[in-house]
Amino acid sequence: MPAIALSPQHLETEMVPPMHRDDESGYASGRSSETSIPDVFFTKPHLRFLNRQLQNLEPQGTCLISLPDTSVTLIHVLIDILRWCITTLPGLFQTTAFGLTGLVTLDMLSKMKIPRPQQVDVMFFDTLHHFSETLALLDRVRDRYPLVNIHVYKPAGISNSEQFAQQYGERLWETNDQLYDWAAKVEPAQRAYRELQVNAILTGRRRSQGGKRGDLDIIEIDEAGLIKINPLANWSFQQVQDYIRANNMPYNNLLNQGYRSVGDWHSTQPVQAGEDERAGRWKGQQKTECGIHNPRSKFAQFLR
């Protein structure tokens, strides 16, 4: 399988220079009127327009990595989406648990010539219940991408799973699943968004993952105003996997054991042939999301 080669001009990202204010004109700008201009604002018609335009850019079909002409087109579309995000969205971060999709995004961002401070930092939410293979991958990613800032957030005031059990009781994911999601995932995410001043995030969600993700838009805005970008929404598992292989990237060793979507050790199993990619998550339950991508109002009872 040939690797995908991209010329430098495809990876260069031109940054829009900071605006300034002409005091006589009265026009506001980003440099001089920060308190009077919202960081990002989309009307619903504009959001629909952007999703329609980005959707039209996305090629569809079978694995494109093995077809040189269309594979390059697929990569160029990803670059276009990422470039738009970087030049349009202040406070942009990537959230990932280092699944294949998140790794593709991280790798592509690392190849784009993005000057500071526009580079995209990564947020990893350590639930204290990840597989050892996932934590080992974190170390390998740091070695592979030493220039990428990775912010690790854990449950508040807790350093390990033993302390978590002491505070919340044994097997909280069974006794109170909603509280577990809040303590291990949602609260750390909210804290990260607040401390890092996050306005927008790049996610690893794709339509081919099934469930509620089947009709995923490329751009979403949650009820709190957080902008979520799903840059690989139209990619299949095979396309993502082929990119990883073609670029000789590190990945979670659990994928060699039949896993496809990897979360916490207590709620993740390998998938069987013909099952959805995320069928191994919370198997036998109605649950399909870990909480980070649920409406925040679902956790209103835990807000202080």
Protein backbone atom coordinates (compact mmCIF):
# COMPACT_ATOMS: atom_id res chain seq x y z
CA MET A 1 0.00 0.00 0.00
CA PRO A 2 1.65 3.27 -1.06
CA ALA A 3 2.01 6.05 1.45
CA ILE A 4 0.33 9.34 0.70
CA ALA A 5 2.79 12.07 -0.20
CA LEU A 6 1.68 15.66 0.11
CA SER A 7 3.62 18.58 -1.27
CA PRO A 8 4.52 21.44 1.11
CA GLN A 9 2.01 23.81 -0.45
CA HIS A 10 -0.79 21.42 0.50
CA LEU A 11 0.18 21.52 4.16
CA GLU A 12 0.92 25.20 4.59
CA THR A 13 -1.76 27.07 6.44
CA GLU A 14 -1.96 30.80 5.91
CA MET A 15 -3.14 32.56 9.01
CA VAL A 16 -5.47 35.50 8.72
CA PRO A 17 -3.61 38.49 10.22
CA PRO A 18 -5.18 40.03 13.34
CA MET A 19 -7.72 42.71 12.59
CA HIS A 20 -7.33 46.19 13.97
CA ARG A 21 -9.65 49.11 14.46
CA ASP A 22 -9.94 52.24 12.41
CA ASP A 23 -11.08 54.59 15.16
CA GLU A 24 -12.60 57.03 12.69
CA SER A 25 -14.58 54.39 10.84
CA GLY A 26 -16.14 53.06 14.02
CA TYR A 27 -15.75 49.46 12.88
CA ALA A 28 -14.89 47.01 15.65
CA SER A 29 -12.04 44.56 15.33
CA GLY A 30 -10.57 41.61 17.17
CA ARG A 31 -7.55 43.54 18.39
CA SER A 32 -9.24 46.57 19.92
CA SER A 33 -12.77 45.51 20.89
CA GLU A 34 -12.53 42.13 22.53
CA THR A 35 -15.30 42.87 25.00
CA SER A 36 -17.81 43.90 22.35
CA ILE A 37 -17.33 41.13 19.79
CA PRO A 38 -18.32 37.53 20.50
CA ASP A 39 -15.55 35.02 19.89
CA VAL A 40 -17.66 32.94 17.52
CA PHE A 41 -21.28 33.27 16.50
CA PHE A 42 -23.24 31.17 14.02
CA THR A 43 -26.88 31.64 13.11
CA LYS A 44 -28.80 28.44 12.38
CA PRO A 45 -29.05 29.23 8.64
CA HIS A 46 -25.29 29.91 8.52
CA LEU A 47 -24.57 26.65 10.36
CA ARG A 48 -26.75 24.71 7.91
CA PHE A 49 -24.96 26.43 5.02
CA LEU A 50 -21.51 25.55 6.39
CA ASN A 51 -22.45 21.92 6.95
CA ARG A 52 -23.91 21.68 3.47
CA GLN A 53 -20.77 23.16 1.92
CA LEU A 54 -18.43 20.94 3.93
CA GLN A 55 -20.57 17.89 3.27
CA ASN A 56 -20.35 18.56 -0.46
CA LEU A 57 -16.57 18.63 -0.16
CA GLU A 58 -16.44 15.20 1.46
CA PRO A 59 -15.91 12.33 -1.01
CA GLN A 60 -17.96 9.22 -0.33
CA GLY A 61 -17.45 5.57 -1.12
CA THR A 62 -15.07 2.74 -0.44
CA CYS A 63 -11.53 2.88 0.88
CA LEU A 64 -9.79 5.77 -0.85
CA ILE A 65 -6.31 5.30 0.54
CA SER A 66 -5.62 2.45 -1.87
CA LEU A 67 -6.71 4.56 -4.85
CA PRO A 68 -4.03 7.23 -5.36
CA ASP A 69 -6.09 9.92 -7.10
CA THR A 70 -9.11 9.87 -4.80
CA SER A 71 -7.04 9.26 -1.67
CA VAL A 72 -5.22 12.53 -2.22
CA THR A 73 -8.59 14.23 -2.67
CA LEU A 74 -9.78 12.81 0.64
CA ILE A 75 -6.70 14.12 2.43
CA HIS A 76 -7.01 17.52 0.79
CA VAL A 77 -10.60 17.80 2.01
CA LEU A 78 -9.43 17.05 5.56
CA ILE A 79 -6.73 19.72 5.23
CA ASP A 80 -9.33 22.22 3.98
CA ILE A 81 -11.60 21.53 6.96
CA LEU A 82 -8.73 21.78 9.45
CA ARG A 83 -7.42 24.95 7.84
CA TRP A 84 -10.89 26.50 8.06
CA CYS A 85 -11.09 25.57 11.74
CA ILE A 86 -7.67 27.00 12.56
CA THR A 87 -8.28 30.29 10.79
CA THR A 88 -11.89 30.71 11.95
CA LEU A 89 -12.25 29.33 15.47
CA PRO A 90 -10.38 30.88 18.42
CA GLY A 91 -9.83 28.64 21.42
CA LEU A 92 -9.63 25.52 19.25
CA PHE A 93 -8.47 22.25 20.86
CA GLN A 94 -8.57 18.56 19.99
CA THR A 95 -10.15 16.05 22.37
CA THR A 96 -9.09 12.45 21.94
CA ALA A 97 -8.51 9.17 23.72
CA PHE A 98 -6.17 8.31 20.85
CA GLY A 99 -8.55 6.22 18.80
CA LEU A 100 -7.69 5.89 15.12
CA THR A 101 -9.70 8.93 14.03
CA GLY A 102 -8.14 11.19 16.62
CA LEU A 103 -4.70 9.95 15.62
CA VAL A 104 -5.34 10.82 11.97
CA THR A 105 -6.36 14.36 12.95
CA LEU A 106 -3.35 14.74 15.25
CA ASP A 107 -0.98 13.49 12.57
CA MET A 108 -2.39 15.78 9.90
CA LEU A 109 -2.24 18.82 12.19
CA SER A 110 1.39 18.00 12.97
CA LYS A 111 2.19 18.11 9.24
CA MET A 112 0.56 21.47 8.66
CA LYS A 113 2.81 24.49 9.09
CA ILE A 114 0.84 26.15 11.86
CA PRO A 115 2.63 28.89 13.79
CA ARG A 116 2.12 29.50 17.47
CA PRO A 117 -0.26 30.43 19.00
CA GLN A 118 -2.59 28.91 16.38
CA GLN A 119 -1.32 25.37 16.93
CA VAL A 120 -3.99 23.03 18.24
CA ASP A 121 -3.34 21.53 21.68
CA VAL A 122 -4.74 18.14 22.68
CA MET A 123 -6.92 17.32 25.69
CA PHE A 124 -6.96 13.76 27.06
CA PHE A 125 -9.42 12.89 29.81
CA ASP A 126 -7.88 10.20 31.98
CA THR A 127 -10.81 8.48 33.66
CA LEU A 128 -8.36 6.41 35.77
CA HIS A 129 -10.02 3.34 34.22
CA HIS A 130 -8.37 3.24 30.82
CA PHE A 131 -6.69 0.10 29.55
CA SER A 132 -2.94 -0.05 30.15
CA GLU A 133 -2.58 -0.23 26.37
CA THR A 134 -4.26 3.18 26.03
CA LEU A 135 -1.91 4.78 28.57
CA ALA A 136 1.07 3.17 26.85
CA LEU A 137 -0.15 4.67 23.57
CA LEU A 138 -0.21 8.12 25.20
CA ASP A 139 3.52 7.77 25.87
CA ARG A 140 4.17 6.62 22.30
CA VAL A 141 2.19 9.57 20.91
CA ARG A 142 4.25 11.97 23.02
CA ASP A 143 7.43 10.41 21.63
CA ARG A 144 6.16 10.61 18.04
CA TYR A 145 4.83 14.19 18.33
CA PRO A 146 7.09 16.00 20.82
CA LEU A 147 5.87 19.45 19.74
CA VAL A 148 2.22 18.70 20.52
CA ASN A 149 0.98 19.94 23.89
CA ILE A 150 -1.16 17.25 25.54
CA HIS A 151 -3.23 18.40 28.52
CA VAL A 152 -4.26 15.49 30.77
CA TYR A 153 -7.28 15.96 33.03
CA LYS A 154 -8.32 13.49 35.74
CA PRO A 155 -11.29 13.37 38.12
CA ALA A 156 -11.13 16.31 40.52
CA GLY A 157 -8.72 15.77 43.43
CA ILE A 158 -8.06 12.12 42.53
CA SER A 159 -4.88 10.55 41.17
CA ASN A 160 -5.65 6.85 40.76
CA SER A 161 -8.44 4.28 40.60
CA GLU A 162 -8.01 3.30 44.26
CA GLN A 163 -8.68 6.86 45.39
CA PHE A 164 -11.64 7.00 43.01
CA ALA A 165 -13.15 3.90 44.63
CA GLN A 166 -12.54 5.30 48.11
CA GLN A 167 -14.43 8.46 47.27
CA TYR A 168 -17.29 7.04 45.20
CA GLY A 169 -17.46 3.38 46.18
CA GLU A 170 -16.51 0.23 44.32
CA ARG A 171 -17.67 -0.19 40.70
CA LEU A 172 -19.49 3.14 40.48
CA TRP A 173 -20.14 2.48 36.78
CA GLU A 174 -22.53 -0.27 37.93
CA THR A 175 -24.08 1.36 41.01
CA ASN A 176 -24.56 4.84 39.52
CA ASP A 177 -23.56 5.03 35.88
CA GLN A 178 -24.60 8.66 35.47
CA LEU A 179 -22.53 9.79 38.45
CA TYR A 180 -19.60 7.82 37.07
CA ASP A 181 -19.83 9.63 33.72
CA TRP A 182 -20.01 12.95 35.53
CA ALA A 183 -17.08 12.33 37.89
CA ALA A 184 -14.76 10.53 35.46
CA LYS A 185 -15.49 12.33 32.21
CA VAL A 186 -17.91 15.25 32.17
CA GLU A 187 -16.59 17.25 35.14
CA PRO A 188 -12.95 16.94 34.00
CA ALA A 189 -14.00 18.05 30.52
CA GLN A 190 -15.91 21.06 31.88
CA ARG A 191 -12.93 21.99 34.01
CA ALA A 192 -10.59 21.72 31.03
CA TYR A 193 -12.85 23.87 28.85
CA ARG A 194 -12.96 26.52 31.56
CA GLU A 195 -9.27 26.54 32.49
CA LEU A 196 -7.99 26.37 28.91
CA GLN A 197 -10.64 28.79 27.59
CA VAL A 198 -11.91 26.31 25.02
CA ASN A 199 -14.40 27.58 22.46
CA ALA A 200 -14.26 24.74 19.95
CA ILE A 201 -13.06 21.15 19.82
CA LEU A 202 -12.06 18.68 17.13
CA THR A 203 -13.58 15.27 17.85
CA GLY A 204 -12.99 11.77 16.51
CA ARG A 205 -16.64 10.96 15.84
CA ARG A 206 -17.67 9.45 12.50
CA ARG A 207 -21.00 8.44 10.97
CA SER A 208 -19.76 4.92 10.27
CA GLN A 209 -19.44 4.32 14.02
CA GLY A 210 -23.20 3.81 14.04
CA GLY A 211 -25.79 4.54 16.71
CA LYS A 212 -26.63 8.19 17.25
CA ARG A 213 -23.55 9.13 15.26
CA GLY A 214 -25.11 7.90 12.03
CA ASP A 215 -26.40 11.33 11.02
CA LEU A 216 -23.51 13.36 12.39
CA ASP A 217 -22.86 16.84 10.97
CA ILE A 218 -19.34 18.11 10.48
CA ILE A 219 -20.08 21.18 12.61
CA GLU A 220 -22.24 21.04 15.75
CA ILE A 221 -22.91 23.41 18.62
CA ASP A 222 -23.96 22.04 21.99
CA GLU A 223 -26.46 23.62 24.35
CA ALA A 224 -23.69 25.49 26.19
CA GLY A 225 -22.34 27.01 22.95
CA LEU A 226 -19.31 24.73 22.56
CA ILE A 227 -18.52 24.23 18.87
CA LYS A 228 -17.75 20.63 17.95
CA ILE A 229 -16.05 19.84 14.67
CA ASN A 230 -16.09 16.27 13.35
CA PRO A 231 -13.53 16.59 10.52
CA LEU A 232 -13.56 12.91 9.56
CA ALA A 233 -17.33 12.46 9.84
CA ASN A 234 -17.58 10.72 6.47
CA TRP A 235 -14.55 8.46 6.80
CA SER A 236 -15.01 4.73 7.30
CA PHE A 237 -13.08 2.61 9.78
CA GLN A 238 -11.16 1.08 6.89
CA GLN A 239 -10.17 4.47 5.51
CA VAL A 240 -8.92 5.62 8.90
CA GLN A 241 -7.08 2.36 9.50
CA ASP A 242 -5.44 2.54 6.07
CA TYR A 243 -4.20 6.06 6.77
CA ILE A 244 -2.65 4.86 10.04
CA ARG A 245 -0.89 2.00 8.26
CA ALA A 246 0.24 4.08 5.28
CA ASN A 247 1.84 6.61 7.61
CA ASN A 248 3.33 4.01 9.98
CA MET A 249 1.63 5.59 12.99
CA PRO A 250 1.38 4.23 16.54
CA TYR A 251 -2.05 2.91 17.51
CA ASN A 252 -3.70 1.07 20.37
CA ASN A 253 -2.50 -2.54 20.47
CA LEU A 254 -6.02 -3.64 21.49
CA LEU A 255 -7.04 -3.20 17.86
CA ASN A 256 -4.98 -6.28 17.09
CA GLN A 257 -7.21 -8.22 19.51
CA GLY A 258 -10.58 -7.48 17.89
CA TYR A 259 -11.35 -4.15 19.55
CA ARG A 260 -12.50 -1.24 17.37
CA SER A 261 -13.65 1.52 19.73
CA VAL A 262 -11.69 1.59 22.99
CA GLY A 263 -12.95 3.27 26.16
CA ASP A 264 -12.71 2.23 29.80
CA TRP A 265 -11.66 -1.35 30.52
CA HIS A 266 -14.88 -2.19 32.37
CA SER A 267 -17.21 -1.21 29.52
CA THR A 268 -15.30 -2.18 26.36
CA GLN A 269 -15.23 -5.52 24.56
CA PRO A 270 -14.02 -6.76 21.18
CA VAL A 271 -16.57 -6.62 18.37
CA GLN A 272 -17.74 -9.54 16.28
CA ALA A 273 -17.84 -9.73 12.51
CA GLY A 274 -20.77 -7.73 11.14
CA GLU A 275 -21.25 -5.67 14.31
CA ASP A 276 -21.11 -1.87 14.42
CA GLU A 277 -17.73 -0.41 15.22
CA ARG A 278 -18.88 0.70 18.68
CA ALA A 279 -20.87 -2.45 19.46
CA GLY A 280 -18.26 -3.39 22.03
CA ARG A 281 -18.98 -0.31 24.13
CA TRP A 282 -21.50 -0.84 26.96
CA LYS A 283 -22.56 -4.14 25.39
CA GLY A 284 -26.10 -5.16 26.30
CA GLN A 285 -27.03 -1.63 27.40
CA GLN A 286 -28.99 1.12 25.68
CA LYS A 287 -26.11 3.49 26.32
CA THR A 288 -24.09 4.67 23.30
CA GLU A 289 -22.14 7.71 24.58
CA CYS A 290 -19.84 8.23 27.56
CA GLY A 291 -21.31 11.53 28.67
CA ILE A 292 -18.95 14.03 27.06
CA HIS A 293 -21.15 14.14 23.97
CA ASN A 294 -24.46 14.04 25.85
CA PRO A 295 -26.41 17.26 26.56
CA ARG A 296 -24.97 18.95 29.64
CA SER A 297 -28.46 19.29 31.08
CA LYS A 298 -28.41 15.52 31.62
CA PHE A 299 -25.96 16.13 34.46
CA ALA A 300 -27.69 19.15 35.99
CA GLN A 301 -28.15 17.35 39.31
CA PHE A 302 -24.35 17.23 39.78
CA LEU A 303 -23.71 20.90 39.02
CA ARG A 304 -22.70 22.97 42.00
